[in-house]
């Protein structure tokens, strides 16, 4: 039986869990985009190209040796692993995740084969509540929860955990909405939230999101 206790919480965040969760989030975005491209119920077939390949320039390796991400020689490349995490790389990765979620939800809103036009409002605007500025001075995010910069890295820990919580919550919200909107596929949540987000995160207000906290041993 899976534990109900969180793996990541404001008073307990280690590098291994942080990298593993980042891997899960990025691989879920990739999986969602690939599924959208192959779905007969969705018009566009360039979600992966627009929302994943064109945006990410970071390779993430988890504690199991799984890798996800994109390498582009034309951009400043970063690599994240349990054995090497630089503040600049984590800020770039957080920015790229925000950029991907915004781009993906904007494209979903304009895809005329889907009924819903509030993906951006429900997922990006409502969940990406921190501000993130990357190394070239570009900023994404909403609200005023906290502002991450290249100089700060993902610090302080409490704000980093809240950011992780919001990103996992965004994946759950996105997949749930897609299950109700894509006439062909109704297993986005099962595949890319329940089966892939295998850590539980507790935010600073005590809310918890995620799955199977004992099943990802690394």
Protein backbone atom coordinates (compact mmCIF):
# COMPACT_ATOMS: atom_id res chain seq x y z
CA UNK A 1 0.00 0.00 0.00
CA UNK A 2 1.36 3.41 -0.93
CA UNK A 3 2.17 5.82 1.87
CA UNK A 4 0.00 8.89 2.31
CA UNK A 5 2.96 10.84 3.64
CA UNK A 6 4.61 13.38 1.33
CA UNK A 7 8.05 12.80 -0.14
CA UNK A 8 8.65 16.51 -0.63
CA UNK A 9 7.58 19.13 1.88
CA UNK A 10 8.76 22.60 2.95
CA UNK A 11 10.85 21.15 5.78
CA UNK A 12 12.21 18.27 3.72
CA UNK A 13 13.55 18.66 0.19
CA UNK A 14 16.59 16.77 -1.03
CA UNK A 15 18.37 16.96 -4.36
CA UNK A 16 17.41 13.44 -5.41
CA UNK A 17 13.67 14.02 -4.98
CA UNK A 18 13.85 17.45 -6.63
CA UNK A 19 15.54 16.05 -9.75
CA UNK A 20 13.26 13.01 -9.88
CA UNK A 21 10.18 15.23 -9.70
CA UNK A 22 11.51 17.56 -12.40
CA UNK A 23 12.08 14.51 -14.58
CA UNK A 24 8.50 13.37 -14.00
CA UNK A 25 7.03 16.79 -14.81
CA UNK A 26 8.99 17.20 -18.05
CA UNK A 27 8.37 13.62 -19.18
CA UNK A 28 4.66 14.11 -18.50
CA UNK A 29 4.61 17.23 -20.68
CA UNK A 30 6.35 15.29 -23.43
CA UNK A 31 3.92 12.38 -23.11
CA UNK A 32 0.89 14.67 -23.20
CA UNK A 33 2.18 16.40 -26.34
CA UNK A 34 2.91 13.09 -28.10
CA UNK A 35 -0.54 11.82 -27.21
CA UNK A 36 -2.19 14.98 -28.52
CA UNK A 37 -0.29 14.67 -31.80
CA UNK A 38 -1.57 11.13 -32.33
CA UNK A 39 -5.14 11.68 -31.14
CA UNK A 40 -7.89 11.55 -33.72
CA UNK A 41 -9.94 13.90 -31.58
CA UNK A 42 -7.49 16.79 -31.78
CA UNK A 43 -6.85 18.83 -34.91
CA UNK A 44 -3.24 19.95 -34.46
CA UNK A 45 -0.35 17.53 -34.86
CA UNK A 46 2.51 19.82 -33.85
CA UNK A 47 2.13 19.98 -30.08
CA UNK A 48 5.43 18.18 -29.50
CA UNK A 49 7.25 20.39 -31.98
CA UNK A 50 5.84 23.65 -30.61
CA UNK A 51 5.50 22.96 -26.90
CA UNK A 52 8.37 20.58 -26.14
CA UNK A 53 11.10 20.40 -28.79
CA UNK A 54 11.18 24.13 -29.52
CA UNK A 55 11.22 25.14 -25.86
CA UNK A 56 13.34 22.78 -23.79
CA UNK A 57 17.11 22.81 -23.91
CA UNK A 58 17.82 20.79 -20.79
CA UNK A 59 18.44 17.09 -20.31
CA UNK A 60 17.16 15.68 -17.01
CA UNK A 61 18.38 12.33 -15.71
CA UNK A 62 16.59 10.74 -12.76
CA UNK A 63 17.99 8.35 -10.15
CA UNK A 64 16.96 5.36 -12.26
CA UNK A 65 19.02 6.54 -15.23
CA UNK A 66 15.98 7.61 -17.26
CA UNK A 67 16.51 10.71 -19.36
CA UNK A 68 14.14 13.26 -20.82
CA UNK A 69 14.49 16.70 -22.30
CA UNK A 70 15.95 18.25 -25.44
CA UNK A 71 19.45 19.21 -26.48
CA UNK A 72 19.81 22.14 -28.86
CA UNK A 73 23.31 23.28 -29.78
CA UNK A 74 21.94 26.68 -30.77
CA UNK A 75 20.91 27.52 -27.19
CA UNK A 76 22.59 27.52 -23.79
CA UNK A 77 22.38 23.85 -22.88
CA UNK A 78 21.90 22.58 -19.33
CA UNK A 79 22.01 19.15 -17.76
CA UNK A 80 20.40 18.16 -14.48
CA UNK A 81 21.05 14.92 -12.61
CA UNK A 82 20.88 13.75 -8.98
CA UNK A 83 24.67 14.16 -8.83
CA UNK A 84 24.93 17.63 -10.32
CA UNK A 85 22.45 20.46 -9.94
CA UNK A 86 23.44 24.07 -10.57
CA UNK A 87 21.23 26.98 -9.56
CA UNK A 88 21.31 28.42 -13.09
CA UNK A 89 20.21 25.11 -14.61
CA UNK A 90 17.27 24.76 -12.23
CA UNK A 91 16.08 28.29 -12.95
CA UNK A 92 16.31 27.67 -16.70
CA UNK A 93 14.42 24.40 -16.32
CA UNK A 94 11.66 26.03 -14.26
CA UNK A 95 11.39 28.79 -16.88
CA UNK A 96 11.22 26.25 -19.70
CA UNK A 97 8.45 24.32 -17.92
CA UNK A 98 6.46 27.55 -17.50
CA UNK A 99 7.04 28.42 -21.15
CA UNK A 100 5.96 24.96 -22.26
CA UNK A 101 2.77 25.00 -20.17
CA UNK A 102 1.83 28.46 -21.42
CA UNK A 103 2.49 27.55 -25.06
CA UNK A 104 0.69 24.22 -24.77
CA UNK A 105 -2.42 25.65 -23.11
CA UNK A 106 -2.61 28.55 -25.56
CA UNK A 107 -2.50 26.08 -28.45
CA UNK A 108 -5.17 23.90 -26.83
CA UNK A 109 -7.42 26.96 -26.44
CA UNK A 110 -7.16 27.65 -30.16
CA UNK A 111 -7.53 24.04 -31.35
CA UNK A 112 -10.98 24.11 -32.95
CA UNK A 113 -11.63 20.39 -32.45
CA UNK A 114 -11.64 20.85 -28.67
CA UNK A 115 -14.63 22.37 -26.91
CA UNK A 116 -12.83 24.08 -24.04
CA UNK A 117 -11.10 27.43 -24.46
CA UNK A 118 -9.94 27.92 -20.87
CA UNK A 119 -6.89 25.66 -20.65
CA UNK A 120 -4.54 28.61 -20.22
CA UNK A 121 -6.75 30.15 -17.56
CA UNK A 122 -7.11 26.89 -15.62
CA UNK A 123 -3.58 25.55 -15.94
CA UNK A 124 -1.00 28.27 -16.65
CA UNK A 125 -2.62 31.35 -15.16
CA UNK A 126 -4.17 29.62 -12.15
CA UNK A 127 -1.26 27.33 -11.26
CA UNK A 128 1.99 29.03 -12.27
CA UNK A 129 1.92 31.50 -9.41
CA UNK A 130 5.62 32.23 -9.03
CA UNK A 131 7.62 34.55 -11.23
CA UNK A 132 10.71 33.07 -12.90
CA UNK A 133 13.36 35.14 -14.70
CA UNK A 134 15.87 33.25 -16.83
CA UNK A 135 19.48 34.12 -17.61
CA UNK A 136 18.57 36.29 -20.60
CA UNK A 137 16.18 38.41 -18.53
CA UNK A 138 12.89 36.94 -19.77
CA UNK A 139 10.19 36.47 -17.15
CA UNK A 140 7.18 34.19 -16.97
CA UNK A 141 4.62 33.49 -14.28
CA UNK A 142 1.62 35.01 -12.60
CA UNK A 143 0.84 36.64 -9.29
CA UNK A 144 3.32 37.58 -6.61
CA UNK A 145 3.99 34.39 -4.63
CA UNK A 146 7.75 34.75 -5.05
CA UNK A 147 10.25 35.81 -7.71
CA UNK A 148 12.99 33.36 -8.69
CA UNK A 149 16.04 34.75 -10.48
CA UNK A 150 19.30 33.26 -11.77
CA UNK A 151 21.03 34.62 -8.68
CA UNK A 152 18.59 33.04 -6.24
CA UNK A 153 18.32 29.59 -7.74
CA UNK A 154 15.33 27.63 -6.48
CA UNK A 155 15.64 29.13 -3.02
CA UNK A 156 14.33 29.50 -0.38
CA UNK A 157 13.27 25.89 0.06
CA UNK A 158 9.69 26.70 1.09
CA UNK A 159 9.07 28.61 -2.15
CA UNK A 160 10.76 25.90 -4.23
CA UNK A 161 8.44 23.27 -2.74
CA UNK A 162 5.40 25.46 -3.40
CA UNK A 163 6.57 25.83 -7.01
CA UNK A 164 6.88 22.04 -7.32
CA UNK A 165 3.43 21.56 -5.82
CA UNK A 166 1.90 24.00 -8.30
CA UNK A 167 3.57 22.32 -11.28
CA UNK A 168 2.29 18.88 -10.27
CA UNK A 169 -1.14 20.39 -9.66
CA UNK A 170 -0.98 21.89 -13.16
CA UNK A 171 -0.25 18.48 -14.71
CA UNK A 172 -3.20 16.95 -12.86
CA UNK A 173 -5.54 19.77 -13.85
CA UNK A 174 -4.44 19.67 -17.50
CA UNK A 175 -4.85 15.91 -17.83
CA UNK A 176 -8.23 15.90 -16.11
CA UNK A 177 -9.49 18.60 -18.47
CA UNK A 178 -8.15 16.79 -21.53
CA UNK A 179 -9.90 13.59 -20.47
CA UNK A 180 -13.21 15.42 -20.59
CA UNK A 181 -12.52 17.32 -23.80
CA UNK A 182 -10.72 14.99 -26.25
CA UNK A 183 -13.40 12.70 -27.68
CA UNK A 184 -10.87 10.06 -28.76
CA UNK A 185 -8.74 9.68 -25.62
CA UNK A 186 -9.81 9.66 -21.98
CA UNK A 187 -6.64 8.36 -20.33
CA UNK A 188 -4.41 11.43 -20.15
CA UNK A 189 -4.67 11.55 -16.35
CA UNK A 190 -4.12 7.81 -15.96
CA UNK A 191 -0.99 7.84 -18.12
CA UNK A 192 0.66 11.17 -17.42
CA UNK A 193 -0.43 12.05 -13.88
CA UNK A 194 -1.30 8.87 -11.99
CA UNK A 195 1.26 6.54 -13.59
CA UNK A 196 4.06 9.08 -14.07
CA UNK A 197 4.03 11.54 -11.16
CA UNK A 198 5.29 9.11 -8.53
CA UNK A 199 6.17 11.47 -5.71
CA UNK A 200 3.87 13.34 -3.35
CA UNK A 201 4.40 17.03 -2.63
CA UNK A 202 3.04 18.94 0.35
CA UNK A 203 2.97 22.72 0.01
CA UNK A 204 3.40 25.35 2.72
CA UNK A 205 -0.33 25.39 3.48
CA UNK A 206 -0.51 21.62 4.02
CA UNK A 207 -2.12 20.58 0.72
CA UNK A 208 -0.74 17.45 -0.95
CA UNK A 209 -0.62 16.35 -4.60
CA UNK A 210 1.03 13.43 -6.39
CA UNK A 211 1.02 9.63 -6.27
CA UNK A 212 2.63 6.47 -4.86
CA UNK A 213 5.14 7.92 -2.49
CA UNK A 214 6.77 4.55 -1.73
CA UNK A 215 7.11 3.30 -5.29
CA UNK A 216 9.92 5.54 -6.62
CA UNK A 217 13.05 4.37 -4.89
CA UNK A 218 15.53 5.52 -7.51
